[in-house]
Amino acid sequence: MAFSRVQLSVAIIFLAACLQVQGHSEVETSLGMSLPQRKLLHEGAASSLVQTNCRPGEDLTVVQGQTPHLPNGIPAFTVMISNTCQTGCNISNIHLHCGWFSSAILVNPKIFRRLAFDDCLVNDGQPLKSGSTLQFRYANSRSYPLSISSMRCG
């Protein structure tokens, strides 16, 4: 599976942030660049795209990573859902494949909620504007594979 430069940039920045939250200082050396350099890479990759239609996996990305465990030892995860569309497109009615998603901590249902098995709604169905990112944290003994199942462009 091939990833776009924007997807890779978003994933690198997100993972670097997760590692910094966990206190890992080797992020810059392991990636071979500083945070300002990674931001420039992301901005450069994003500005080089010209698109007329939004596409799942390119204009809408879902990235998650493990964050510090809860005090009771339950693993926690942070999810970032980003509209990386460069033509100003808003993306609404975003649904993700999410299995039997559940969390030991409350997830704001206006940001993310399971409607049925393998169907979770993002942002209460409202538009996620171009350049915007939603973020939430959940806790469970394992992470849930989250991927885009449907979305509406425009």
Protein backbone atom coordinates (compact mmCIF):
# COMPACT_ATOMS: atom_id res chain seq x y z
CA MET A 1 0.00 0.00 0.00
CA ALA A 2 1.43 3.39 -0.98
CA PHE A 3 1.07 6.41 1.28
CA SER A 4 0.99 10.03 0.15
CA ARG A 5 3.56 12.52 1.38
CA VAL A 6 0.85 14.26 3.42
CA GLN A 7 -0.16 11.01 5.13
CA LEU A 8 3.44 10.21 5.99
CA SER A 9 4.05 13.74 7.26
CA VAL A 10 0.95 13.69 9.48
CA ALA A 11 1.91 10.26 10.83
CA ILE A 12 5.50 11.35 11.57
CA ILE A 13 4.39 14.50 13.39
CA PHE A 14 1.75 12.58 15.35
CA LEU A 15 4.12 9.78 16.36
CA ALA A 16 6.76 12.31 17.35
CA ALA A 17 4.21 14.06 19.58
CA CYS A 18 3.22 10.73 21.17
CA LEU A 19 6.85 9.88 21.88
CA GLN A 20 7.48 13.32 23.36
CA VAL A 21 4.44 12.90 25.64
CA GLN A 22 5.99 9.63 26.85
CA GLY A 23 9.29 11.45 27.51
CA HIS A 24 11.36 10.06 24.64
CA SER A 25 13.97 12.62 23.65
CA GLU A 26 15.47 10.54 20.83
CA VAL A 27 12.60 11.45 18.48
CA GLU A 28 14.63 14.01 16.55
CA THR A 29 17.62 11.75 16.02
CA SER A 30 15.56 8.66 15.15
CA LEU A 31 13.70 10.62 12.48
CA GLY A 32 16.83 12.49 11.42
CA MET A 33 15.15 15.88 11.65
CA SER A 34 13.95 18.39 14.22
CA LEU A 35 10.30 19.24 14.87
CA PRO A 36 10.56 22.53 12.88
CA GLN A 37 12.01 20.56 9.95
CA ARG A 38 9.17 18.02 10.16
CA LYS A 39 6.63 20.87 10.19
CA LEU A 40 8.24 22.36 7.09
CA LEU A 41 8.14 18.95 5.41
CA HIS A 42 4.43 18.67 6.23
CA GLU A 43 3.66 22.18 4.99
CA GLY A 44 5.72 21.66 1.83
CA ALA A 45 4.05 18.34 1.06
CA ALA A 46 0.61 19.78 1.69
CA SER A 47 1.16 22.88 -0.42
CA SER A 48 2.37 20.84 -3.39
CA LEU A 49 -0.98 19.07 -3.77
CA VAL A 50 -3.72 20.36 -6.05
CA GLN A 51 -6.93 18.38 -5.84
CA THR A 52 -10.50 18.93 -6.92
CA ASN A 53 -12.24 16.03 -5.16
CA CYS A 54 -11.68 14.70 -1.68
CA ARG A 55 -10.50 11.12 -1.34
CA PRO A 56 -10.44 8.84 1.73
CA GLY A 57 -6.92 8.10 2.87
CA GLU A 58 -5.52 11.13 1.09
CA ASP A 59 -7.68 14.10 2.10
CA LEU A 60 -8.88 12.47 5.31
CA THR A 61 -6.40 10.63 7.49
CA VAL A 62 -6.84 8.62 10.67
CA VAL A 63 -3.75 8.11 12.79
CA GLN A 64 -3.54 6.63 16.26
CA GLY A 65 -0.80 5.87 18.71
CA GLN A 66 -0.37 4.63 22.24
CA THR A 67 -0.12 7.25 24.98
CA PRO A 68 0.65 6.83 28.69
CA HIS A 69 -1.44 4.19 30.47
CA LEU A 70 -4.20 5.21 32.85
CA PRO A 71 -3.28 5.19 36.56
CA ASN A 72 -4.99 1.79 36.88
CA GLY A 73 -2.72 0.35 34.16
CA ILE A 74 -5.18 0.25 31.25
CA PRO A 75 -3.46 1.15 27.97
CA ALA A 76 -4.55 4.45 26.43
CA PHE A 77 -4.53 5.59 22.81
CA THR A 78 -4.86 8.95 21.09
CA VAL A 79 -6.58 9.22 17.72
CA MET A 80 -6.18 12.11 15.29
CA ILE A 81 -8.58 12.53 12.35
CA SER A 82 -7.36 15.21 9.93
CA ASN A 83 -8.83 16.88 6.86
CA THR A 84 -5.72 17.45 4.74
CA CYS A 85 -7.61 18.61 1.64
CA GLN A 86 -5.78 21.53 0.06
CA THR A 87 -8.64 22.81 -2.11
CA GLY A 88 -10.74 24.02 0.79
CA CYS A 89 -13.10 21.05 0.81
CA ASN A 90 -15.09 20.26 3.91
CA ILE A 91 -15.68 16.60 4.71
CA SER A 92 -18.81 15.57 6.60
CA ASN A 93 -20.75 12.46 7.55
CA ILE A 94 -17.47 10.68 8.35
CA HIS A 95 -17.91 7.03 9.33
CA LEU A 96 -15.10 4.74 10.44
CA HIS A 97 -14.76 0.98 10.62
CA CYS A 98 -14.32 0.44 14.37
CA GLY A 99 -15.43 -3.09 15.33
CA TRP A 100 -17.00 -3.22 18.81
CA PHE A 101 -15.25 0.01 19.88
CA SER A 102 -15.47 0.74 23.60
CA SER A 103 -13.42 2.74 26.05
CA ALA A 104 -12.70 2.65 29.78
CA ILE A 105 -12.75 6.46 29.74
CA LEU A 106 -15.47 8.68 28.34
CA VAL A 107 -15.06 9.76 24.73
CA ASN A 108 -17.10 12.85 23.87
CA PRO A 109 -19.92 11.38 21.73
CA LYS A 110 -20.05 14.57 19.65
CA ILE A 111 -16.48 13.83 18.54
CA PHE A 112 -16.65 10.05 18.19
CA ARG A 113 -19.28 7.42 18.92
CA ARG A 114 -20.15 3.89 17.90
CA LEU A 115 -23.52 3.64 16.18
CA ALA A 116 -23.45 -0.09 15.49
CA PHE A 117 -20.92 -2.86 15.05
CA ASP A 118 -18.09 -1.55 12.86
CA ASP A 119 -19.77 1.84 12.34
CA CYS A 120 -18.51 4.87 14.27
CA LEU A 121 -19.53 8.47 13.54
CA VAL A 122 -17.01 11.33 13.68
CA ASN A 123 -17.80 14.95 14.66
CA ASP A 124 -21.50 14.21 15.09
CA GLY A 125 -21.72 14.03 11.28
CA GLN A 126 -20.84 17.73 10.98
CA PRO A 127 -18.23 19.02 8.49
CA LEU A 128 -14.55 18.77 9.34
CA LYS A 129 -13.12 21.86 7.68
CA SER A 130 -10.05 21.77 5.47
CA GLY A 131 -6.91 21.83 7.62
CA SER A 132 -8.79 20.82 10.79
CA THR A 133 -7.95 17.93 13.08
CA LEU A 134 -10.11 16.21 15.67
CA GLN A 135 -8.42 14.38 18.49
CA PHE A 136 -9.68 12.06 21.21
CA ARG A 137 -8.26 9.61 23.69
CA TYR A 138 -9.62 6.20 24.60
CA ALA A 139 -8.52 3.39 26.90
CA ASN A 140 -8.86 -0.33 26.37
CA SER A 141 -6.73 -3.43 26.75
CA ARG A 142 -6.00 -3.19 23.02
CA SER A 143 -6.20 -0.63 20.24
CA TYR A 144 -9.00 -0.77 17.71
CA PRO A 145 -8.10 -0.68 14.02
CA LEU A 146 -9.86 2.46 12.78
CA SER A 147 -10.27 3.16 9.08
CA ILE A 148 -12.52 5.27 6.89
CA SER A 149 -15.67 3.49 5.73
CA SER A 150 -17.52 6.48 4.20
CA MET A 151 -17.53 10.27 4.03
CA ARG A 152 -19.25 13.08 2.15
CA CYS A 153 -17.19 15.68 0.30
CA GLY A 154 -18.24 19.27 -0.10
